[in-house]
Amino acid sequence: MGLPRAFVGFSSTDIHYYRLMQAWKANKSIDFNFASCQLQSEVNSEDEAYIKRKCRERINLAGKYLLLIGQDTRSKHKYVRWEAEVAIEKDCTIIGINLDGSSPDISPNSLK
């Protein structure tokens, strides 16, 4: 059986948490592994439709959607909420990760 294929959604203000996940994955002493379905590089475009198309392609490869939930996640309508909606539509297993122990009301409405 292969590794779980995962797409990680997060606010740009929480990218350091995603990078920490990558570091854990790379560390042979830590039992933390997944097949990342992330974009291989930042999409160099301001065309929302193009960016969303590229993200959808990657989410469609995933079986799991991990949402890193920080203080401003709820207000990230343009991409974070949209990614969560695509993952729900695709029937991914949704895993919400509360980064700072905040109120559960900070998650996007689409996950409630």
PDB file of N, CA and C in Angstrom:
ATOM      1  N   MET A   1       0.851  -1.179   0.000  1.00  0.00           N
ATOM      2  CA  MET A   1       0.000   0.000   0.000  1.00  0.00           C
ATOM      3  C   MET A   1       0.894   1.239   0.000  1.00  0.00           C
ATOM      4  N   GLY A   2       0.573   2.190  -0.842  1.00  0.00           N
ATOM      5  CA  GLY A   2       1.370   3.407  -0.946  1.00  0.00           C
ATOM      6  C   GLY A   2       1.050   4.407   0.147  1.00  0.00           C
ATOM      7  N   LEU A   3       1.813   5.451   0.146  1.00  0.00           N
ATOM      8  CA  LEU A   3       1.586   6.533   1.103  1.00  0.00           C
ATOM      9  C   LEU A   3       0.281   7.254   0.800  1.00  0.00           C
ATOM     10  N   PRO A   4      -0.366   7.819   1.834  1.00  0.00           N
ATOM     11  CA  PRO A   4      -1.564   8.614   1.568  1.00  0.00           C
ATOM     12  C   PRO A   4      -1.203   9.841   0.730  1.00  0.00           C
ATOM     13  N   ARG A   5      -1.988  10.091  -0.305  1.00  0.00           N
ATOM     14  CA  ARG A   5      -1.779  11.271  -1.160  1.00  0.00           C
ATOM     15  C   ARG A   5      -2.538  12.432  -0.536  1.00  0.00           C
ATOM     16  N   ALA A   6      -1.822  13.505  -0.255  1.00  0.00           N
ATOM     17  CA  ALA A   6      -2.423  14.611   0.483  1.00  0.00           C
ATOM     18  C   ALA A   6      -2.152  15.949  -0.183  1.00  0.00           C
ATOM     19  N   PHE A   7      -3.172  16.802  -0.135  1.00  0.00           N
ATOM     20  CA  PHE A   7      -3.039  18.203  -0.516  1.00  0.00           C
ATOM     21  C   PHE A   7      -3.232  18.997   0.761  1.00  0.00           C
ATOM     22  N   VAL A   8      -2.336  19.934   1.021  1.00  0.00           N
ATOM     23  CA  VAL A   8      -2.399  20.723   2.255  1.00  0.00           C
ATOM     24  C   VAL A   8      -2.841  22.141   1.914  1.00  0.00           C
ATOM     25  N   GLY A   9      -3.949  22.557   2.489  1.00  0.00           N
ATOM     26  CA  GLY A   9      -4.451  23.917   2.305  1.00  0.00           C
ATOM     27  C   GLY A   9      -4.057  24.772   3.496  1.00  0.00           C
ATOM     28  N   PHE A  10      -3.652  26.001   3.227  1.00  0.00           N
ATOM     29  CA  PHE A  10      -3.249  26.893   4.316  1.00  0.00           C
ATOM     30  C   PHE A  10      -3.242  28.330   3.834  1.00  0.00           C
ATOM     31  N   SER A  11      -3.382  29.235   4.780  1.00  0.00           N
ATOM     32  CA  SER A  11      -3.249  30.662   4.513  1.00  0.00           C
ATOM     33  C   SER A  11      -1.764  30.959   4.320  1.00  0.00           C
ATOM     34  N   SER A  12      -1.460  31.930   3.504  1.00  0.00           N
ATOM     35  CA  SER A  12      -0.054  32.292   3.288  1.00  0.00           C
ATOM     36  C   SER A  12       0.637  32.692   4.593  1.00  0.00           C
ATOM     37  N   THR A  13      -0.128  33.171   5.561  1.00  0.00           N
ATOM     38  CA  THR A  13       0.474  33.540   6.850  1.00  0.00           C
ATOM     39  C   THR A  13       0.906  32.309   7.646  1.00  0.00           C
ATOM     40  N   ASP A  14       0.446  31.133   7.248  1.00  0.00           N
ATOM     41  CA  ASP A  14       0.773  29.892   7.956  1.00  0.00           C
ATOM     42  C   ASP A  14       1.731  28.997   7.176  1.00  0.00           C
ATOM     43  N   ILE A  15       2.383  29.519   6.151  1.00  0.00           N
ATOM     44  CA  ILE A  15       3.257  28.691   5.319  1.00  0.00           C
ATOM     45  C   ILE A  15       4.383  28.057   6.131  1.00  0.00           C
ATOM     46  N   HIS A  16       4.824  28.702   7.198  1.00  0.00           N
ATOM     47  CA  HIS A  16       5.900  28.116   8.002  1.00  0.00           C
ATOM     48  C   HIS A  16       5.479  26.779   8.621  1.00  0.00           C
ATOM     49  N   TYR A  17       4.190  26.598   8.901  1.00  0.00           N
ATOM     50  CA  TYR A  17       3.717  25.317   9.416  1.00  0.00           C
ATOM     51  C   TYR A  17       3.783  24.247   8.326  1.00  0.00           C
ATOM     52  N   TYR A  18       3.454  24.622   7.099  1.00  0.00           N
ATOM     53  CA  TYR A  18       3.577  23.675   5.991  1.00  0.00           C
ATOM     54  C   TYR A  18       5.049  23.298   5.784  1.00  0.00           C
ATOM     55  N   ARG A  19       5.925  24.275   5.866  1.00  0.00           N
ATOM     56  CA  ARG A  19       7.368  23.985   5.721  1.00  0.00           C
ATOM     57  C   ARG A  19       7.862  23.079   6.844  1.00  0.00           C
ATOM     58  N   LEU A  20       7.304  23.227   8.032  1.00  0.00           N
ATOM     59  CA  LEU A  20       7.650  22.338   9.140  1.00  0.00           C
ATOM     60  C   LEU A  20       7.214  20.903   8.815  1.00  0.00           C
ATOM     61  N   MET A  21       6.044  20.746   8.243  1.00  0.00           N
ATOM     62  CA  MET A  21       5.584  19.418   7.824  1.00  0.00           C
ATOM     63  C   MET A  21       6.557  18.812   6.810  1.00  0.00           C
ATOM     64  N   GLN A  22       7.031  19.621   5.873  1.00  0.00           N
ATOM     65  CA  GLN A  22       8.002  19.141   4.889  1.00  0.00           C
ATOM     66  C   GLN A  22       9.301  18.704   5.577  1.00  0.00           C
ATOM     67  N   ALA A  23       9.733  19.459   6.578  1.00  0.00           N
ATOM     68  CA  ALA A  23      10.953  19.113   7.311  1.00  0.00           C
ATOM     69  C   ALA A  23      10.774  17.788   8.065  1.00  0.00           C
ATOM     70  N   TRP A  24       9.616  17.594   8.695  1.00  0.00           N
ATOM     71  CA  TRP A  24       9.345  16.325   9.380  1.00  0.00           C
ATOM     72  C   TRP A  24       9.409  15.172   8.387  1.00  0.00           C
ATOM     73  N   LYS A  25       8.799  15.386   7.234  1.00  0.00           N
ATOM     74  CA  LYS A  25       8.763  14.357   6.187  1.00  0.00           C
ATOM     75  C   LYS A  25      10.181  13.994   5.739  1.00  0.00           C
ATOM     76  N   ALA A  26      11.054  14.973   5.638  1.00  0.00           N
ATOM     77  CA  ALA A  26      12.425  14.759   5.178  1.00  0.00           C
ATOM     78  C   ALA A  26      13.325  14.149   6.259  1.00  0.00           C
ATOM     79  N   ASN A  27      12.934  14.276   7.527  1.00  0.00           N
ATOM     80  CA  ASN A  27      13.758  13.796   8.643  1.00  0.00           C
ATOM     81  C   ASN A  27      13.535  12.294   8.842  1.00  0.00           C
ATOM     82  N   LYS A  28      14.560  11.512   8.643  1.00  0.00           N
ATOM     83  CA  LYS A  28      14.467  10.041   8.766  1.00  0.00           C
ATOM     84  C   LYS A  28      14.186   9.593  10.201  1.00  0.00           C
ATOM     85  N   SER A  29      14.428  10.453  11.181  1.00  0.00           N
ATOM     86  CA  SER A  29      14.202  10.106  12.590  1.00  0.00           C
ATOM     87  C   SER A  29      12.763  10.339  13.032  1.00  0.00           C
ATOM     88  N   ILE A  30      11.951  10.947  12.166  1.00  0.00           N
ATOM     89  CA  ILE A  30      10.556  11.240  12.509  1.00  0.00           C
ATOM     90  C   ILE A  30       9.648  10.412  11.616  1.00  0.00           C
ATOM     91  N   ASP A  31       8.734   9.681  12.225  1.00  0.00           N
ATOM     92  CA  ASP A  31       7.800   8.841  11.478  1.00  0.00           C
ATOM     93  C   ASP A  31       6.614   9.685  11.026  1.00  0.00           C
ATOM     94  N   PHE A  32       6.839  10.418   9.959  1.00  0.00           N
ATOM     95  CA  PHE A  32       5.807  11.312   9.413  1.00  0.00           C
ATOM     96  C   PHE A  32       6.012  11.326   7.907  1.00  0.00           C
ATOM     97  N   ASN A  33       5.063  10.782   7.176  1.00  0.00           N
ATOM     98  CA  ASN A  33       5.263  10.690   5.740  1.00  0.00           C
ATOM     99  C   ASN A  33       3.919  10.728   5.012  1.00  0.00           C
ATOM    100  N   PHE A  34       3.934  11.296   3.844  1.00  0.00           N
ATOM    101  CA  PHE A  34       2.773  11.342   2.969  1.00  0.00           C
ATOM    102  C   PHE A  34       3.270  11.676   1.569  1.00  0.00           C
ATOM    103  N   ALA A  35       2.492  11.343   0.576  1.00  0.00           N
ATOM    104  CA  ALA A  35       2.814  11.709  -0.798  1.00  0.00           C
ATOM    105  C   ALA A  35       2.159  13.059  -1.059  1.00  0.00           C
ATOM    106  N   SER A  36       2.967  14.071  -1.225  1.00  0.00           N
ATOM    107  CA  SER A  36       2.446  15.428  -1.388  1.00  0.00           C
ATOM    108  C   SER A  36       1.883  15.642  -2.786  1.00  0.00           C
ATOM    109  N   CYS A  37       0.687  16.186  -2.828  1.00  0.00           N
ATOM    110  CA  CYS A  37       0.055  16.554  -4.103  1.00  0.00           C
ATOM    111  C   CYS A  37       0.090  18.063  -4.310  1.00  0.00           C
ATOM    112  N   GLN A  38       0.947  18.737  -3.547  1.00  0.00           N
ATOM    113  CA  GLN A  38       1.061  20.193  -3.675  1.00  0.00           C
ATOM    114  C   GLN A  38       1.554  20.568  -5.061  1.00  0.00           C
ATOM    115  N   LEU A  39       1.308  21.817  -5.427  1.00  0.00           N
ATOM    116  CA  LEU A  39       1.922  22.359  -6.629  1.00  0.00           C
ATOM    117  C   LEU A  39       3.429  22.292  -6.438  1.00  0.00           C
ATOM    118  N   GLN A  40       4.155  21.938  -7.472  1.00  0.00           N
ATOM    119  CA  GLN A  40       5.600  21.781  -7.347  1.00  0.00           C
ATOM    120  C   GLN A  40       6.319  23.114  -7.202  1.00  0.00           C
ATOM    121  N   SER A  41       5.684  24.162  -7.674  1.00  0.00           N
ATOM    122  CA  SER A  41       6.258  25.500  -7.516  1.00  0.00           C
ATOM    123  C   SER A  41       5.101  26.499  -7.490  1.00  0.00           C
ATOM    124  N   GLU A  42       5.397  27.692  -7.021  1.00  0.00           N
ATOM    125  CA  GLU A  42       4.379  28.733  -6.954  1.00  0.00           C
ATOM    126  C   GLU A  42       3.901  29.067  -8.361  1.00  0.00           C
ATOM    127  N   VAL A  43       2.609  29.215  -8.513  1.00  0.00           N
ATOM    128  CA  VAL A  43       2.045  29.579  -9.814  1.00  0.00           C
ATOM    129  C   VAL A  43       2.329  31.063 -10.041  1.00  0.00           C
ATOM    130  N   ASN A  44       3.078  31.337 -11.063  1.00  0.00           N
ATOM    131  CA  ASN A  44       3.471  32.716 -11.368  1.00  0.00           C
ATOM    132  C   ASN A  44       2.413  33.355 -12.270  1.00  0.00           C
ATOM    133  N   SER A  45       1.283  33.654 -11.674  1.00  0.00           N
ATOM    134  CA  SER A  45       0.174  34.221 -12.430  1.00  0.00           C
ATOM    135  C   SER A  45      -0.755  34.956 -11.476  1.00  0.00           C
ATOM    136  N   GLU A  46      -1.461  35.922 -12.014  1.00  0.00           N
ATOM    137  CA  GLU A  46      -2.503  36.591 -11.239  1.00  0.00           C
ATOM    138  C   GLU A  46      -3.883  36.215 -11.775  1.00  0.00           C
ATOM    139  N   ASP A  47      -3.919  35.306 -12.731  1.00  0.00           N
ATOM    140  CA  ASP A  47      -5.157  34.842 -13.345  1.00  0.00           C
ATOM    141  C   ASP A  47      -5.811  33.821 -12.412  1.00  0.00           C
ATOM    142  N   GLU A  48      -6.855  34.252 -11.711  1.00  0.00           N
ATOM    143  CA  GLU A  48      -7.511  33.406 -10.715  1.00  0.00           C
ATOM    144  C   GLU A  48      -7.990  32.084 -11.306  1.00  0.00           C
ATOM    145  N   ALA A  49      -8.577  32.109 -12.482  1.00  0.00           N
ATOM    146  CA  ALA A  49      -9.087  30.884 -13.103  1.00  0.00           C
ATOM    147  C   ALA A  49      -7.946  29.898 -13.375  1.00  0.00           C
ATOM    148  N   TYR A  50      -6.825  30.403 -13.844  1.00  0.00           N
ATOM    149  CA  TYR A  50      -5.665  29.548 -14.125  1.00  0.00           C
ATOM    150  C   TYR A  50      -5.123  28.935 -12.830  1.00  0.00           C
ATOM    151  N   ILE A  51      -4.979  29.759 -11.783  1.00  0.00           N
ATOM    152  CA  ILE A  51      -4.473  29.269 -10.499  1.00  0.00           C
ATOM    153  C   ILE A  51      -5.405  28.195  -9.950  1.00  0.00           C
ATOM    154  N   LYS A  52      -6.686  28.440  -9.995  1.00  0.00           N
ATOM    155  CA  LYS A  52      -7.648  27.465  -9.480  1.00  0.00           C
ATOM    156  C   LYS A  52      -7.635  26.183 -10.306  1.00  0.00           C
ATOM    157  N   ARG A  53      -7.461  26.300 -11.597  1.00  0.00           N
ATOM    158  CA  ARG A  53      -7.388  25.104 -12.449  1.00  0.00           C
ATOM    159  C   ARG A  53      -6.178  24.256 -12.053  1.00  0.00           C
ATOM    160  N   LYS A  54      -5.036  24.900 -11.832  1.00  0.00           N
ATOM    161  CA  LYS A  54      -3.823  24.180 -11.435  1.00  0.00           C
ATOM    162  C   LYS A  54      -4.001  23.524 -10.062  1.00  0.00           C
ATOM    163  N   CYS A  55      -4.619  24.236  -9.124  1.00  0.00           N
ATOM    164  CA  CYS A  55      -4.870  23.670  -7.797  1.00  0.00           C
ATOM    165  C   CYS A  55      -5.844  22.502  -7.879  1.00  0.00           C
ATOM    166  N   ARG A  56      -6.897  22.638  -8.667  1.00  0.00           N
ATOM    167  CA  ARG A  56      -7.881  21.552  -8.819  1.00  0.00           C
ATOM    168  C   ARG A  56      -7.213  20.292  -9.349  1.00  0.00           C
ATOM    169  N   GLU A  57      -6.311  20.440 -10.311  1.00  0.00           N
ATOM    170  CA  GLU A  57      -5.592  19.284 -10.856  1.00  0.00           C
ATOM    171  C   GLU A  57      -4.863  18.537  -9.746  1.00  0.00           C
ATOM    172  N   ARG A  58      -4.235  19.273  -8.841  1.00  0.00           N
ATOM    173  CA  ARG A  58      -3.475  18.662  -7.755  1.00  0.00           C
ATOM    174  C   ARG A  58      -4.402  18.067  -6.691  1.00  0.00           C
ATOM    175  N   ILE A  59      -5.488  18.769  -6.356  1.00  0.00           N
ATOM    176  CA  ILE A  59      -6.446  18.241  -5.377  1.00  0.00           C
ATOM    177  C   ILE A  59      -7.071  16.953  -5.911  1.00  0.00           C
ATOM    178  N   ASN A  60      -7.311  16.894  -7.209  1.00  0.00           N
ATOM    179  CA  ASN A  60      -7.896  15.693  -7.809  1.00  0.00           C
ATOM    180  C   ASN A  60      -6.989  14.472  -7.680  1.00  0.00           C
ATOM    181  N   LEU A  61      -5.696  14.676  -7.461  1.00  0.00           N
ATOM    182  CA  LEU A  61      -4.758  13.569  -7.252  1.00  0.00           C
ATOM    183  C   LEU A  61      -4.783  13.065  -5.812  1.00  0.00           C
ATOM    184  N   ALA A  62      -5.315  13.886  -4.916  1.00  0.00           N
ATOM    185  CA  ALA A  62      -5.243  13.594  -3.477  1.00  0.00           C
ATOM    186  C   ALA A  62      -6.441  12.785  -2.992  1.00  0.00           C
ATOM    187  N   GLY A  63      -6.198  12.000  -1.959  1.00  0.00           N
ATOM    188  CA  GLY A  63      -7.273  11.310  -1.257  1.00  0.00           C
ATOM    189  C   GLY A  63      -7.558  11.965   0.083  1.00  0.00           C
ATOM    190  N   LYS A  64      -6.604  12.781   0.533  1.00  0.00           N
ATOM    191  CA  LYS A  64      -6.725  13.491   1.810  1.00  0.00           C
ATOM    192  C   LYS A  64      -6.523  14.975   1.567  1.00  0.00           C
ATOM    193  N   TYR A  65      -7.286  15.779   2.300  1.00  0.00           N
ATOM    194  CA  TYR A  65      -7.116  17.234   2.270  1.00  0.00           C
ATOM    195  C   TYR A  65      -6.866  17.674   3.697  1.00  0.00           C
ATOM    196  N   LEU A  66      -5.668  18.178   3.949  1.00  0.00           N
ATOM    197  CA  LEU A  66      -5.301  18.670   5.273  1.00  0.00           C
ATOM    198  C   LEU A  66      -5.411  20.177   5.257  1.00  0.00           C
ATOM    199  N   LEU A  67      -6.194  20.732   6.148  1.00  0.00           N
ATOM    200  CA  LEU A  67      -6.350  22.180   6.227  1.00  0.00           C
ATOM    201  C   LEU A  67      -5.697  22.674   7.501  1.00  0.00           C
ATOM    202  N   LEU A  68      -4.642  23.461   7.336  1.00  0.00           N
ATOM    203  CA  LEU A  68      -3.984  24.089   8.473  1.00  0.00           C
ATOM    204  C   LEU A  68      -4.809  25.313   8.849  1.00  0.00           C
ATOM    205  N   ILE A  69      -5.406  25.298  10.028  1.00  0.00           N
ATOM    206  CA  ILE A  69      -6.342  26.336  10.436  1.00  0.00           C
ATOM    207  C   ILE A  69      -5.665  27.280  11.421  1.00  0.00           C
ATOM    208  N   GLY A  70      -5.395  28.496  10.962  1.00  0.00           N
ATOM    209  CA  GLY A  70      -4.796  29.533  11.793  1.00  0.00           C
ATOM    210  C   GLY A  70      -5.789  30.660  12.013  1.00  0.00           C
ATOM    211  N   GLN A  71      -5.299  31.753  12.562  1.00  0.00           N
ATOM    212  CA  GLN A  71      -6.162  32.872  12.929  1.00  0.00           C
ATOM    213  C   GLN A  71      -6.937  33.466  11.763  1.00  0.00           C
ATOM    214  N   ASP A  72      -6.356  33.533  10.568  1.00  0.00           N
ATOM    215  CA  ASP A  72      -7.054  34.195   9.463  1.00  0.00           C
ATOM    216  C   ASP A  72      -7.616  33.232   8.420  1.00  0.00           C
ATOM    217  N   THR A  73      -7.600  31.932   8.705  1.00  0.00           N
ATOM    218  CA  THR A  73      -8.071  30.945   7.727  1.00  0.00           C
ATOM    219  C   THR A  73      -9.515  31.204   7.308  1.00  0.00           C
ATOM    220  N   ARG A  74     -10.365  31.535   8.259  1.00  0.00           N
ATOM    221  CA  ARG A  74     -11.784  31.739   7.979  1.00  0.00           C
ATOM    222  C   ARG A  74     -12.010  32.838   6.938  1.00  0.00           C
ATOM    223  N   SER A  75     -11.132  33.834   6.902  1.00  0.00           N
ATOM    224  CA  SER A  75     -11.328  34.963   5.986  1.00  0.00           C
ATOM    225  C   SER A  75     -10.698  34.743   4.619  1.00  0.00           C
ATOM    226  N   LYS A  76     -10.083  33.608   4.386  1.00  0.00           N
ATOM    227  CA  LYS A  76      -9.410  33.339   3.109  1.00  0.00           C
ATOM    228  C   LYS A  76     -10.397  32.700   2.128  1.00  0.00           C
ATOM    229  N   HIS A  77     -11.244  33.531   1.546  1.00  0.00           N
ATOM    230  CA  HIS A  77     -12.309  33.048   0.673  1.00  0.00           C
ATOM    231  C   HIS A  77     -11.807  32.660  -0.718  1.00  0.00           C
ATOM    232  N   LYS A  78     -10.879  33.427  -1.239  1.00  0.00           N
ATOM    233  CA  LYS A  78     -10.495  33.289  -2.645  1.00  0.00           C
ATOM    234  C   LYS A  78      -9.911  31.918  -2.962  1.00  0.00           C
ATOM    235  N   TYR A  79      -9.005  31.435  -2.132  1.00  0.00           N
ATOM    236  CA  TYR A  79      -8.374  30.152  -2.429  1.00  0.00           C
ATOM    237  C   TYR A  79      -8.583  29.093  -1.341  1.00  0.00           C
ATOM    238  N   VAL A  80      -8.359  29.415  -0.088  1.00  0.00           N
ATOM    239  CA  VAL A  80      -8.423  28.387   0.960  1.00  0.00           C
ATOM    240  C   VAL A  80      -9.825  27.783   1.045  1.00  0.00           C
ATOM    241  N   ARG A  81     -10.839  28.611   1.125  1.00  0.00           N
ATOM    242  CA  ARG A  81     -12.215  28.088   1.187  1.00  0.00           C
ATOM    243  C   ARG A  81     -12.542  27.332  -0.104  1.00  0.00           C
ATOM    244  N   TRP A  82     -12.142  27.884  -1.227  1.00  0.00           N
ATOM    245  CA  TRP A  82     -12.403  27.230  -2.509  1.00  0.00           C
ATOM    246  C   TRP A  82     -11.729  25.857  -2.567  1.00  0.00           C
ATOM    247  N   GLU A  83     -10.473  25.758  -2.118  1.00  0.00           N
ATOM    248  CA  GLU A  83      -9.775  24.466  -2.105  1.00  0.00           C
ATOM    249  C   GLU A  83     -10.533  23.457  -1.248  1.00  0.00           C
ATOM    250  N   ALA A  84     -10.999  23.896  -0.078  1.00  0.00           N
ATOM    251  CA  ALA A  84     -11.760  23.004   0.802  1.00  0.00           C
ATOM    252  C   ALA A  84     -13.033  22.524   0.111  1.00  0.00           C
ATOM    253  N   GLU A  85     -13.707  23.417  -0.586  1.00  0.00           N
ATOM    254  CA  GLU A  85     -14.934  23.042  -1.298  1.00  0.00           C
ATOM    255  C   GLU A  85     -14.639  22.033  -2.406  1.00  0.00           C
ATOM    256  N   VAL A  86     -13.532  22.211  -3.120  1.00  0.00           N
ATOM    257  CA  VAL A  86     -13.139  21.261  -4.170  1.00  0.00           C
ATOM    258  C   VAL A  86     -12.836  19.900  -3.547  1.00  0.00           C
ATOM    259  N   ALA A  87     -12.129  19.889  -2.423  1.00  0.00           N
ATOM    260  CA  ALA A  87     -11.805  18.628  -1.747  1.00  0.00           C
ATOM    261  C   ALA A  87     -13.069  17.923  -1.264  1.00  0.00           C
ATOM    262  N   ILE A  88     -14.037  18.673  -0.761  1.00  0.00           N
ATOM    263  CA  ILE A  88     -15.313  18.087  -0.334  1.00  0.00           C
ATOM    264  C   ILE A  88     -16.042  17.521  -1.543  1.00  0.00           C
ATOM    265  N   GLU A  89     -16.081  18.279  -2.618  1.00  0.00           N
ATOM    266  CA  GLU A  89     -16.730  17.844  -3.867  1.00  0.00           C
ATOM    267  C   GLU A  89     -16.096  16.544  -4.371  1.00  0.00           C
ATOM    268  N   LYS A  90     -14.783  16.426  -4.249  1.00  0.00           N
ATOM    269  CA  LYS A  90     -14.051  15.246  -4.699  1.00  0.00           C
ATOM    270  C   LYS A  90     -14.177  14.091  -3.706  1.00  0.00           C
ATOM    271  N   ASP A  91     -14.736  14.345  -2.549  1.00  0.00           N
ATOM    272  CA  ASP A  91     -14.917  13.361  -1.494  1.00  0.00           C
ATOM    273  C   ASP A  91     -13.597  12.935  -0.853  1.00  0.00           C
ATOM    274  N   CYS A  92     -12.669  13.891  -0.732  1.00  0.00           N
ATOM    275  CA  CYS A  92     -11.425  13.643  -0.004  1.00  0.00           C
ATOM    276  C   CYS A  92     -11.737  13.489   1.480  1.00  0.00           C
ATOM    277  N   THR A  93     -10.910  12.766   2.181  1.00  0.00           N
ATOM    278  CA  THR A  93     -10.967  12.769   3.630  1.00  0.00           C
ATOM    279  C   THR A  93     -10.436  14.129   4.075  1.00  0.00           C
ATOM    280  N   ILE A  94     -11.214  14.850   4.865  1.00  0.00           N
ATOM    281  CA  ILE A  94     -10.836  16.194   5.311  1.00  0.00           C
ATOM    282  C   ILE A  94     -10.267  16.105   6.725  1.00  0.00           C
ATOM    283  N   ILE A  95      -9.075  16.665   6.906  1.00  0.00           N
ATOM    284  CA  ILE A  95      -8.437  16.690   8.214  1.00  0.00           C
ATOM    285  C   ILE A  95      -8.117  18.144   8.543  1.00  0.00           C
ATOM    286  N   GLY A  96      -8.810  18.693   9.522  1.00  0.00           N
ATOM    287  CA  GLY A  96      -8.562  20.061   9.964  1.00  0.00           C
ATOM    288  C   GLY A  96      -7.551  20.063  11.094  1.00  0.00           C
ATOM    289  N   ILE A  97      -6.535  20.894  10.981  1.00  0.00           N
ATOM    290  CA  ILE A  97      -5.475  20.959  11.981  1.00  0.00           C
ATOM    291  C   ILE A  97      -5.473  22.358  12.590  1.00  0.00           C
ATOM    292  N   ASN A  98      -5.953  22.447  13.833  1.00  0.00           N
ATOM    293  CA  ASN A  98      -6.030  23.721  14.548  1.00  0.00           C
ATOM    294  C   ASN A  98      -4.627  24.083  15.026  1.00  0.00           C
ATOM    295  N   LEU A  99      -4.045  25.112  14.451  1.00  0.00           N
ATOM    296  CA  LEU A  99      -2.643  25.443  14.693  1.00  0.00           C
ATOM    297  C   LEU A  99      -2.363  26.069  16.051  1.00  0.00           C
ATOM    298  N   ASP A 100      -3.317  26.753  16.608  1.00  0.00           N
ATOM    299  CA  ASP A 100      -2.999  27.486  17.830  1.00  0.00           C
ATOM    300  C   ASP A 100      -4.037  27.320  18.933  1.00  0.00           C
ATOM    301  N   GLY A 101      -4.825  26.285  18.853  1.00  0.00           N
ATOM    302  CA  GLY A 101      -5.800  26.026  19.900  1.00  0.00           C
ATOM    303  C   GLY A 101      -6.939  27.031  19.961  1.00  0.00           C
ATOM    304  N   SER A 102      -7.130  27.766  18.890  1.00  0.00           N
ATOM    305  CA  SER A 102      -8.183  28.779  18.853  1.00  0.00           C
ATOM    306  C   SER A 102      -9.560  28.137  18.776  1.00  0.00           C
ATOM    307  N   SER A 103     -10.544  28.969  18.865  1.00  0.00           N
ATOM    308  CA  SER A 103     -11.936  28.549  18.767  1.00  0.00           C
ATOM    309  C   SER A 103     -12.178  27.826  17.447  1.00  0.00           C
ATOM    310  N   PRO A 104     -13.001  26.785  17.445  1.00  0.00           N
ATOM    311  CA  PRO A 104     -13.324  26.087  16.202  1.00  0.00           C
ATOM    312  C   PRO A 104     -14.057  26.984  15.194  1.00  0.00           C
ATOM    313  N   ASP A 105     -14.526  28.142  15.641  1.00  0.00           N
ATOM    314  CA  ASP A 105     -15.231  29.053  14.735  1.00  0.00           C
ATOM    315  C   ASP A 105     -14.318  29.708  13.715  1.00  0.00           C
ATOM    316  N   ILE A 106     -13.013  29.428  13.756  1.00  0.00           N
ATOM    317  CA  ILE A 106     -12.099  30.052  12.800  1.00  0.00           C
ATOM    318  C   ILE A 106     -12.019  29.287  11.491  1.00  0.00           C
ATOM    319  N   SER A 107     -12.590  28.066  11.442  1.00  0.00           N
ATOM    320  CA  SER A 107     -12.506  27.300  10.204  1.00  0.00           C
ATOM    321  C   SER A 107     -13.515  27.835   9.178  1.00  0.00           C
ATOM    322  N   PRO A 108     -13.213  27.620   7.897  1.00  0.00           N
ATOM    323  CA  PRO A 108     -14.145  28.094   6.863  1.00  0.00           C
ATOM    324  C   PRO A 108     -15.511  27.446   7.035  1.00  0.00           C
ATOM    325  N   ASN A 109     -16.560  28.174   6.714  1.00  0.00           N
ATOM    326  CA  ASN A 109     -17.929  27.668   6.854  1.00  0.00           C
ATOM    327  C   ASN A 109     -18.158  26.389   6.063  1.00  0.00           C
ATOM    328  N   SER A 110     -17.452  26.216   4.954  1.00  0.00           N
ATOM    329  CA  SER A 110     -17.657  25.037   4.116  1.00  0.00           C
ATOM    330  C   SER A 110     -17.262  23.747   4.828  1.00  0.00           C
ATOM    331  N   LEU A 111     -16.504  23.829   5.914  1.00  0.00           N
ATOM    332  CA  LEU A 111     -16.099  22.640   6.660  1.00  0.00           C
ATOM    333  C   LEU A 111     -17.007  22.326   7.824  1.00  0.00           C
ATOM    334  N   LYS A 112     -17.996  23.167   8.066  1.00  0.00           N
ATOM    335  CA  LYS A 112     -18.877  22.942   9.225  1.00  0.00           C
ATOM    336  C   LYS A 112     -20.027  22.046   8.877  1.00  0.00           C
TER     337      LYS A 112
END
